Amino acid sequence: MNNCVMRKVDVTAEFAPLAGERTVASVTISCSPGNAGDVLFRGDTGQEVPWVPGEWHTFYAIDLAAVEIKGTAGDVVTVIGGTW
């Protein structure tokens, strides 16, 4: 079954996953260019990786529940793609 994934994720001051349950999809993850600060991503090794406002990357078959983000409350990350 193919599904379109289109999400706006509000950034918080504490790490939170991009999805509340296992969601494997091929997506482009983007930090809004209007964000006030960097968004910290925490992935497979637990290392924190800062993304600057406007930064984006495309991932294939990524589990969104395994990727956590934190940063300036009110900033935004978008997730666009699908499960094909």
Protein backbone atom coordinates (compact mmCIF):
# COMPACT_ATOMS: atom_id res chain seq x y z
CA MET A 1 0.00 0.00 0.00
CA ASN A 2 1.39 3.39 -1.01
CA ASN A 3 0.81 6.43 1.16
CA CYS A 4 1.73 10.07 0.81
CA VAL A 5 3.61 11.48 3.82
CA MET A 6 3.24 15.23 4.40
CA ARG A 7 3.94 16.46 7.91
CA LYS A 8 4.77 19.71 9.66
CA VAL A 9 6.60 18.92 12.90
CA ASP A 10 6.86 21.61 15.56
CA VAL A 11 10.29 21.71 17.18
CA THR A 12 10.45 21.61 20.99
CA ALA A 13 13.22 22.15 23.54
CA GLU A 14 13.34 18.38 24.28
CA PHE A 15 14.15 15.59 21.84
CA ALA A 16 11.04 14.13 20.19
CA PRO A 17 10.68 11.67 17.28
CA LEU A 18 9.46 12.72 13.84
CA ALA A 19 6.71 10.06 14.13
CA GLY A 20 4.92 8.55 17.11
CA GLU A 21 5.03 5.04 15.69
CA ARG A 22 7.17 3.12 13.21
CA THR A 23 6.73 4.85 9.84
CA VAL A 24 9.11 3.77 7.08
CA ALA A 25 9.08 6.09 4.07
CA SER A 26 11.25 7.79 1.48
CA VAL A 27 11.13 11.48 2.33
CA THR A 28 12.77 14.87 2.15
CA ILE A 29 13.23 16.36 5.62
CA SER A 30 13.56 20.16 5.66
CA CYS A 31 14.21 22.82 8.27
CA SER A 32 12.18 25.93 7.55
CA PRO A 33 14.32 28.82 6.28
CA GLY A 34 12.40 31.01 8.74
CA ASN A 35 13.56 29.03 11.79
CA ALA A 36 15.15 31.08 14.58
CA GLY A 37 17.98 28.60 15.17
CA ASP A 38 19.56 25.30 14.26
CA VAL A 39 17.58 22.08 14.73
CA LEU A 40 19.50 19.26 16.41
CA PHE A 41 18.87 15.82 14.91
CA ARG A 42 19.69 12.61 16.81
CA GLY A 43 19.81 9.43 14.79
CA ASP A 44 21.34 5.98 14.69
CA THR A 45 24.46 6.60 16.83
CA GLY A 46 22.90 9.04 19.30
CA GLN A 47 25.18 11.83 18.09
CA GLU A 48 23.58 15.28 17.76
CA VAL A 49 23.85 16.84 14.30
CA PRO A 50 22.84 20.50 13.80
CA TRP A 51 20.89 21.51 10.69
CA VAL A 52 20.79 25.20 9.81
CA PRO A 53 17.59 26.99 8.76
CA GLY A 54 16.81 26.04 5.16
CA GLU A 55 18.84 22.81 5.23
CA TRP A 56 17.21 19.71 3.74
CA HIS A 57 18.14 16.10 2.92
CA THR A 58 16.42 13.21 1.14
CA PHE A 59 16.28 9.78 2.77
CA TYR A 60 15.15 6.45 1.35
CA ALA A 61 13.30 3.89 3.51
CA ILE A 62 13.93 5.74 6.78
CA ASP A 63 11.97 5.00 9.97
CA LEU A 64 10.73 8.43 11.07
CA ALA A 65 10.17 7.20 14.63
CA ALA A 66 13.94 6.55 14.93
CA VAL A 67 14.88 10.17 14.14
CA GLU A 68 14.59 12.66 17.00
CA ILE A 69 14.78 16.47 16.85
CA LYS A 70 15.02 19.39 19.26
CA GLY A 71 15.78 23.07 19.06
CA THR A 72 14.09 26.41 19.43
CA ALA A 73 10.43 26.02 20.37
CA GLY A 74 8.27 27.33 17.54
CA ASP A 75 10.67 26.34 14.75
CA VAL A 76 9.40 23.88 12.12
CA VAL A 77 10.60 20.77 10.29
CA THR A 78 8.67 19.39 7.30
CA VAL A 79 8.62 15.77 6.12
CA ILE A 80 7.44 15.21 2.53
CA GLY A 81 7.47 11.93 0.60
CA GLY A 82 5.76 8.58 0.62
CA THR A 83 5.83 4.86 1.34
CA TRP A 84 6.27 3.62 -2.23
